[in-house]
């Protein structure tokens, strides 16, 4: 009985430790989304120009 209780407590502590890391993952996700938006804003016009140039060369216009 004592061994079962120790396992239960150890398992519960592991779950609590994992739950404490959620704000870190949320922060990483938000920072990644922010970087994507910034990079897209900076590189977007250049990528559109590159795409239009490639399409015009392929279509021969």
N, C-alpha and C. Protein backbone atom coordinates (compact mmCIF):
# COMPACT_ATOMS: atom_id res chain seq x y z
N UNK A 1 0.83 -1.19 0.00
CA UNK A 1 0.00 0.00 0.00
C UNK A 1 0.88 1.26 0.00
N UNK A 2 1.94 1.23 0.79
CA UNK A 2 2.82 2.39 0.89
C UNK A 2 3.51 2.66 -0.45
N UNK A 3 3.89 1.59 -1.17
CA UNK A 3 4.56 1.74 -2.45
C UNK A 3 3.62 2.38 -3.47
N UNK A 4 2.34 1.98 -3.45
CA UNK A 4 1.36 2.56 -4.36
C UNK A 4 1.17 4.05 -4.12
N UNK A 5 1.16 4.43 -2.87
CA UNK A 5 0.98 5.84 -2.52
C UNK A 5 2.17 6.67 -3.01
N UNK A 6 3.36 6.12 -2.88
CA UNK A 6 4.55 6.85 -3.36
C UNK A 6 4.51 7.03 -4.86
N UNK A 7 4.08 5.99 -5.57
CA UNK A 7 3.98 6.11 -7.03
C UNK A 7 2.94 7.15 -7.42
N UNK A 8 1.83 7.15 -6.74
CA UNK A 8 0.78 8.12 -7.01
C UNK A 8 1.29 9.54 -6.80
N UNK A 9 1.98 9.75 -5.70
CA UNK A 9 2.51 11.09 -5.38
C UNK A 9 3.56 11.49 -6.42
N UNK A 10 4.42 10.54 -6.81
CA UNK A 10 5.45 10.84 -7.81
C UNK A 10 4.81 11.17 -9.15
N UNK A 11 3.78 10.40 -9.54
CA UNK A 11 3.09 10.68 -10.80
C UNK A 11 2.38 12.01 -10.77
N UNK A 12 1.77 12.32 -9.65
CA UNK A 12 1.06 13.60 -9.52
C UNK A 12 2.04 14.77 -9.60
N UNK A 13 3.19 14.61 -8.98
CA UNK A 13 4.20 15.67 -9.02
C UNK A 13 4.71 15.88 -10.44
N UNK A 14 4.86 14.79 -11.19
CA UNK A 14 5.31 14.88 -12.58
C UNK A 14 4.30 15.65 -13.42
N UNK A 15 3.02 15.39 -13.22
CA UNK A 15 1.98 16.09 -13.96
C UNK A 15 1.99 17.58 -13.59
N UNK A 16 2.17 17.89 -12.33
CA UNK A 16 2.21 19.29 -11.91
C UNK A 16 3.41 20.00 -12.51
N UNK A 17 4.55 19.30 -12.59
CA UNK A 17 5.75 19.91 -13.19
C UNK A 17 5.52 20.20 -14.66
N UNK A 18 4.87 19.31 -15.37
CA UNK A 18 4.59 19.52 -16.79
C UNK A 18 3.63 20.68 -17.00
N UNK A 19 2.66 20.82 -16.13
CA UNK A 19 1.69 21.88 -16.27
C UNK A 19 2.34 23.25 -16.06
N UNK A 20 3.38 23.32 -15.28
CA UNK A 20 4.05 24.58 -15.00
C UNK A 20 4.80 25.13 -16.20
N UNK A 21 5.03 24.30 -17.22
CA UNK A 21 5.79 24.73 -18.38
C UNK A 21 4.90 25.30 -19.48
N UNK A 22 3.60 25.28 -19.29
CA UNK A 22 2.68 25.76 -20.32
C UNK A 22 2.92 27.23 -20.66
N UNK A 23 3.08 28.14 -19.72
CA UNK A 23 3.32 29.54 -20.10
C UNK A 23 4.57 29.72 -20.97
N UNK A 24 5.56 28.89 -20.76
CA UNK A 24 6.76 28.96 -21.59
C UNK A 24 6.46 28.61 -23.04
N UNK A 25 5.66 27.57 -23.25
CA UNK A 25 5.31 27.16 -24.60
C UNK A 25 4.40 28.20 -25.26
N UNK A 26 3.54 28.80 -24.49
CA UNK A 26 2.68 29.86 -25.03
C UNK A 26 3.54 31.03 -25.49
N UNK A 27 4.52 31.39 -24.69
CA UNK A 27 5.41 32.49 -25.05
C UNK A 27 6.20 32.17 -26.31
N UNK A 28 6.72 30.95 -26.40
CA UNK A 28 7.47 30.55 -27.59
C UNK A 28 6.57 30.61 -28.83
N UNK A 29 5.33 30.15 -28.70
CA UNK A 29 4.40 30.18 -29.82
C UNK A 29 4.09 31.60 -30.26
N UNK A 30 3.84 32.48 -29.30
CA UNK A 30 3.54 33.87 -29.63
C UNK A 30 4.74 34.57 -30.26
N UNK A 31 5.92 34.30 -29.75
CA UNK A 31 7.12 34.92 -30.31
C UNK A 31 7.37 34.42 -31.74
N UNK A 32 7.13 33.14 -31.98
CA UNK A 32 7.29 32.60 -33.33
C UNK A 32 6.31 33.24 -34.29
N UNK A 33 5.06 33.37 -33.85
CA UNK A 33 4.05 34.02 -34.69
C UNK A 33 4.44 35.47 -34.98
N UNK A 34 4.96 36.16 -33.99
CA UNK A 34 5.41 37.54 -34.18
C UNK A 34 6.55 37.63 -35.18
N UNK A 35 7.49 36.72 -35.10
CA UNK A 35 8.61 36.71 -36.05
C UNK A 35 8.12 36.45 -37.47
N UNK A 36 7.18 35.54 -37.62
CA UNK A 36 6.63 35.25 -38.95
C UNK A 36 5.97 36.50 -39.53
N UNK A 37 5.21 37.21 -38.71
CA UNK A 37 4.53 38.42 -39.19
C UNK A 37 5.55 39.48 -39.60
N UNK A 38 6.58 39.67 -38.79
CA UNK A 38 7.61 40.68 -39.11
C UNK A 38 8.37 40.31 -40.38
N UNK A 39 8.77 39.06 -40.48
CA UNK A 39 9.51 38.62 -41.68
C UNK A 39 8.63 38.73 -42.91
N UNK A 40 7.36 38.35 -42.78
CA UNK A 40 6.44 38.44 -43.92
C UNK A 40 6.25 39.90 -44.34
N UNK A 41 6.16 40.80 -43.39
CA UNK A 41 5.98 42.22 -43.70
C UNK A 41 7.19 42.78 -44.44
N UNK A 42 8.37 42.34 -44.04
CA UNK A 42 9.60 42.84 -44.66
C UNK A 42 9.85 42.18 -46.02
N UNK A 43 9.70 40.87 -46.09
CA UNK A 43 10.05 40.13 -47.30
C UNK A 43 8.88 39.95 -48.26
N UNK A 44 7.65 40.24 -47.82
CA UNK A 44 6.47 40.02 -48.65
C UNK A 44 6.52 40.70 -50.00
N UNK A 45 6.76 42.01 -50.05
CA UNK A 45 6.80 42.69 -51.36
C UNK A 45 7.89 42.14 -52.29
N UNK A 46 9.03 41.79 -51.74
CA UNK A 46 10.11 41.23 -52.56
C UNK A 46 9.70 39.86 -53.11
N UNK A 47 9.04 39.07 -52.29
CA UNK A 47 8.59 37.75 -52.75
C UNK A 47 7.51 37.87 -53.82
N UNK A 48 6.62 38.82 -53.67
CA UNK A 48 5.58 39.04 -54.69
C UNK A 48 6.22 39.46 -56.00
N UNK A 49 7.18 40.36 -55.95
CA UNK A 49 7.88 40.78 -57.16
C UNK A 49 8.62 39.64 -57.82
N UNK A 50 9.26 38.82 -57.03
CA UNK A 50 9.99 37.66 -57.55
C UNK A 50 9.03 36.68 -58.22
N UNK A 51 7.89 36.45 -57.59
CA UNK A 51 6.89 35.53 -58.13
C UNK A 51 6.34 36.07 -59.45
N UNK A 52 6.00 37.35 -59.49
CA UNK A 52 5.46 37.94 -60.72
C UNK A 52 6.48 37.91 -61.85
N UNK A 53 7.74 38.14 -61.52
CA UNK A 53 8.80 38.08 -62.52
C UNK A 53 8.94 36.67 -63.07
N UNK A 54 8.89 35.67 -62.21
CA UNK A 54 9.01 34.28 -62.65
C UNK A 54 7.83 33.89 -63.53
N UNK A 55 6.62 34.30 -63.15
CA UNK A 55 5.44 33.97 -63.95
C UNK A 55 5.50 34.65 -65.32
N UNK A 56 5.95 35.90 -65.36
CA UNK A 56 6.03 36.61 -66.63
C UNK A 56 7.08 35.96 -67.56
N UNK A 57 8.15 35.46 -67.00
CA UNK A 57 9.16 34.77 -67.83
C UNK A 57 8.64 33.46 -68.37
N UNK A 58 7.90 32.73 -67.55
CA UNK A 58 7.38 31.43 -67.97
C UNK A 58 6.30 31.63 -69.03
N UNK A 59 5.43 32.60 -68.82
CA UNK A 59 4.33 32.81 -69.77
C UNK A 59 4.77 33.59 -71.01
N UNK A 60 5.93 34.19 -71.00
CA UNK A 60 6.47 34.92 -72.15
C UNK A 60 5.83 36.25 -72.41
N UNK A 61 5.28 36.87 -71.41
CA UNK A 61 4.61 38.15 -71.57
C UNK A 61 5.57 39.30 -71.39
